[in-house]
Protein backbone atom coordinates (compact mmCIF):
# COMPACT_ATOMS: atom_id res chain seq x y z
CA MET A 1 12.61 104.70 161.81
CA HIS A 2 11.55 108.61 161.73
CA ILE A 3 14.02 109.73 159.16
CA ASN A 4 13.46 106.82 156.54
CA ASP A 5 9.42 107.05 157.12
CA GLN A 6 10.10 110.82 155.88
CA TYR A 7 12.44 109.63 153.35
CA LEU A 8 9.96 107.10 151.99
CA ARG A 9 6.95 109.46 152.20
CA LYS A 10 8.78 112.50 150.03
CA ARG A 11 9.99 110.19 147.43
CA ASN A 12 6.68 108.49 147.47
CA TYR A 13 8.55 104.93 147.83
CA THR A 14 7.43 101.94 148.57
CA PHE A 15 8.86 100.35 151.87
CA ASN A 16 10.86 97.32 151.72
CA ALA A 17 12.05 94.95 154.67
CA HIS A 18 15.46 94.40 153.40
CA ASP A 19 16.49 98.20 153.19
CA VAL A 20 16.38 98.90 157.00
CA GLU A 21 16.62 95.16 157.81
CA ILE A 22 20.31 94.96 159.51
CA GLY A 23 22.50 92.06 159.52
CA ASP A 24 25.81 90.21 160.55
CA ASN A 25 27.60 91.76 157.22
CA HIS A 26 25.82 95.62 157.61
CA ILE A 27 27.73 98.53 158.74
CA VAL A 28 25.52 101.44 159.72
CA TRP A 29 26.90 104.72 159.58
CA GLY A 30 24.59 107.36 161.30
CA TYR A 31 25.22 111.13 160.43
CA HIS A 32 24.48 114.17 162.99
CA TYR A 33 24.03 117.61 162.83
CA LYS A 34 24.01 119.74 165.90
CA ASN A 35 23.42 116.78 168.07
CA LYS A 36 20.72 115.24 166.39
CA LEU A 37 20.62 112.00 164.14
CA ILE A 38 19.82 113.45 160.47
CA ALA A 39 20.65 110.69 158.17
CA TRP A 40 21.99 107.36 158.23
CA SER A 41 23.63 104.78 155.48
CA LYS A 42 23.97 101.00 155.40
CA VAL A 43 27.09 99.34 153.74
CA TYR A 44 27.07 95.52 153.43
CA GLN A 45 30.22 94.02 153.34
CA TYR A 46 31.14 91.02 151.23
CA ASN A 47 33.97 88.92 151.67
CA ASN A 48 36.75 91.40 149.75
CA ALA A 49 34.24 94.27 148.64
CA LEU A 50 32.00 96.99 149.90
CA GLU A 51 28.66 98.07 148.50
CA SER A 52 26.55 101.34 149.95
CA VAL A 53 22.96 100.00 149.76
CA TYR A 54 20.98 101.98 151.53
CA PHE A 55 21.02 106.17 152.36
CA ALA A 56 17.98 107.74 154.21
CA TRP A 57 18.08 111.57 155.14
CA ASP A 58 16.23 114.08 157.05
CA SER A 59 15.71 116.52 153.89
CA CYS A 60 15.43 119.59 156.47
CA ASN A 61 18.93 120.20 155.96
CA MET A 62 19.29 120.01 151.89
CA GLU A 63 22.06 122.52 152.12
CA LEU A 64 24.09 120.14 153.89
CA GLN A 65 24.38 117.72 150.64
CA LEU A 66 23.98 114.91 152.45
CA GLY A 67 23.95 112.46 149.89
CA ILE A 68 27.01 113.08 148.20
CA ASN A 69 29.08 114.11 151.04
CA SER A 70 28.16 110.67 153.22
CA LEU A 71 29.33 109.03 149.78
CA HIS A 72 32.53 110.85 149.84
CA HIS A 73 33.05 109.88 153.40
CA GLU A 74 32.22 106.27 152.78
CA ILE A 75 34.55 105.99 149.75
CA ALA A 76 37.22 107.41 151.78
CA TRP A 77 36.69 105.02 154.49
CA ALA A 78 36.67 102.07 152.26
CA LYS A 79 40.15 103.37 151.13
CA SER A 80 41.08 103.63 154.56
CA LEU A 81 40.56 100.02 155.13
CA GLY A 82 42.44 98.90 151.71
CA TYR A 83 39.60 98.48 149.60
CA ASP A 84 40.05 99.59 145.93
CA PHE A 85 36.30 100.03 145.24
CA LEU A 86 33.02 100.95 147.07
CA TYR A 87 30.15 99.53 144.96
CA ILE A 88 27.22 101.93 145.24
CA GLY A 89 24.70 100.21 143.44
CA PRO A 90 22.76 100.40 140.25
CA GLY A 91 22.01 103.28 138.09
CA TYR A 92 18.90 104.25 136.77
CA GLU A 93 17.10 107.35 135.94
CA VAL A 94 17.96 110.94 136.69
CA CYS A 95 17.83 110.00 140.36
CA SER A 96 21.12 108.27 139.98
CA LYS A 97 23.18 110.87 137.80
CA TYR A 98 25.12 112.12 141.28
CA LYS A 99 27.19 109.16 140.87
CA ALA A 100 29.03 110.55 137.86
CA GLN A 101 30.33 113.15 140.57
CA VAL A 102 32.29 110.90 142.18
CA GLU A 103 36.13 110.61 141.28
CA GLY A 104 37.01 107.13 139.53
CA PHE A 105 33.28 106.66 138.96
CA GLU A 106 33.10 103.63 136.15
CA PHE A 107 29.48 102.06 135.67
CA TRP A 108 28.82 98.19 134.02
CA ASP A 109 27.82 98.59 130.96
CA GLY A 110 26.31 94.85 130.50
CA GLU A 111 29.82 94.04 129.11
CA ASN A 112 32.78 96.19 130.69
CA TRP A 113 33.48 98.46 133.42
CA ASN A 114 33.07 101.73 131.77
CA LEU A 115 34.67 105.14 132.50
CA ASP A 116 32.31 107.28 130.19
CA LYS A 117 30.63 109.63 132.70
CA LYS A 118 28.55 111.25 129.29
CA THR A 119 27.37 108.06 128.57
CA PHE A 120 26.17 107.24 132.03
CA LEU A 121 24.45 110.37 132.35
CA GLU A 122 22.80 109.91 129.07
CA LEU A 123 21.52 106.27 129.83
CA CYS A 124 20.04 107.59 132.59
CA ASP A 125 17.83 110.38 131.22
CA ARG A 126 17.09 107.70 128.47
CA GLU A 127 15.90 105.07 131.22
CA THR A 128 13.50 107.97 133.24
CA GLY A 129 10.91 107.84 130.75
CA ILE A 130 10.22 103.74 131.02
CA ASN A 131 7.01 103.21 132.90
CA SER A 132 5.96 99.78 130.99
CA PHE A 133 7.76 96.85 129.25
CA LYS A 134 6.17 98.00 125.92
CA SER A 135 7.81 101.61 126.36
CA TYR A 136 11.20 99.68 127.39
CA GLN A 137 10.70 98.02 123.71
CA ASN A 138 10.47 101.54 121.80
CA LEU A 139 13.43 102.46 123.53
CA ILE A 140 15.31 99.22 122.80
CA TYR A 141 13.78 98.83 119.12
CA ASN A 142 13.97 102.00 117.94
CA ALA A 143 17.48 103.25 119.52
CA ASN A 144 20.12 104.68 116.81
């Protein structure tokens, strides 16, 4: 839990019990460096799909780029099992922009699966300033 506690503290996130709860349909990857656990990831297994649902890491090893490298590892693993896709969760705000770096990236735009990375990145930037329903309304109703 030390890694998770540090991860949450550093980002000012609130603890959600479902993040660390491990059920029958969860697969947990542990990532080690110099014989020490420095990150872990949780993948949820549906009937015929996989979704990467949580990742926490020790930020002392930023040069390892654990977030993106673990994601590449999990995508390769999902492909080796015969899955066509690994769902990598929602894309909100600038913290999700890294997802567009993934080969084969698509996002759900509300109507269709969309391959336009530029649009995704613009949406992430646009959503970053939303901190109330009023700011959301202003964004939506004043959009070009």
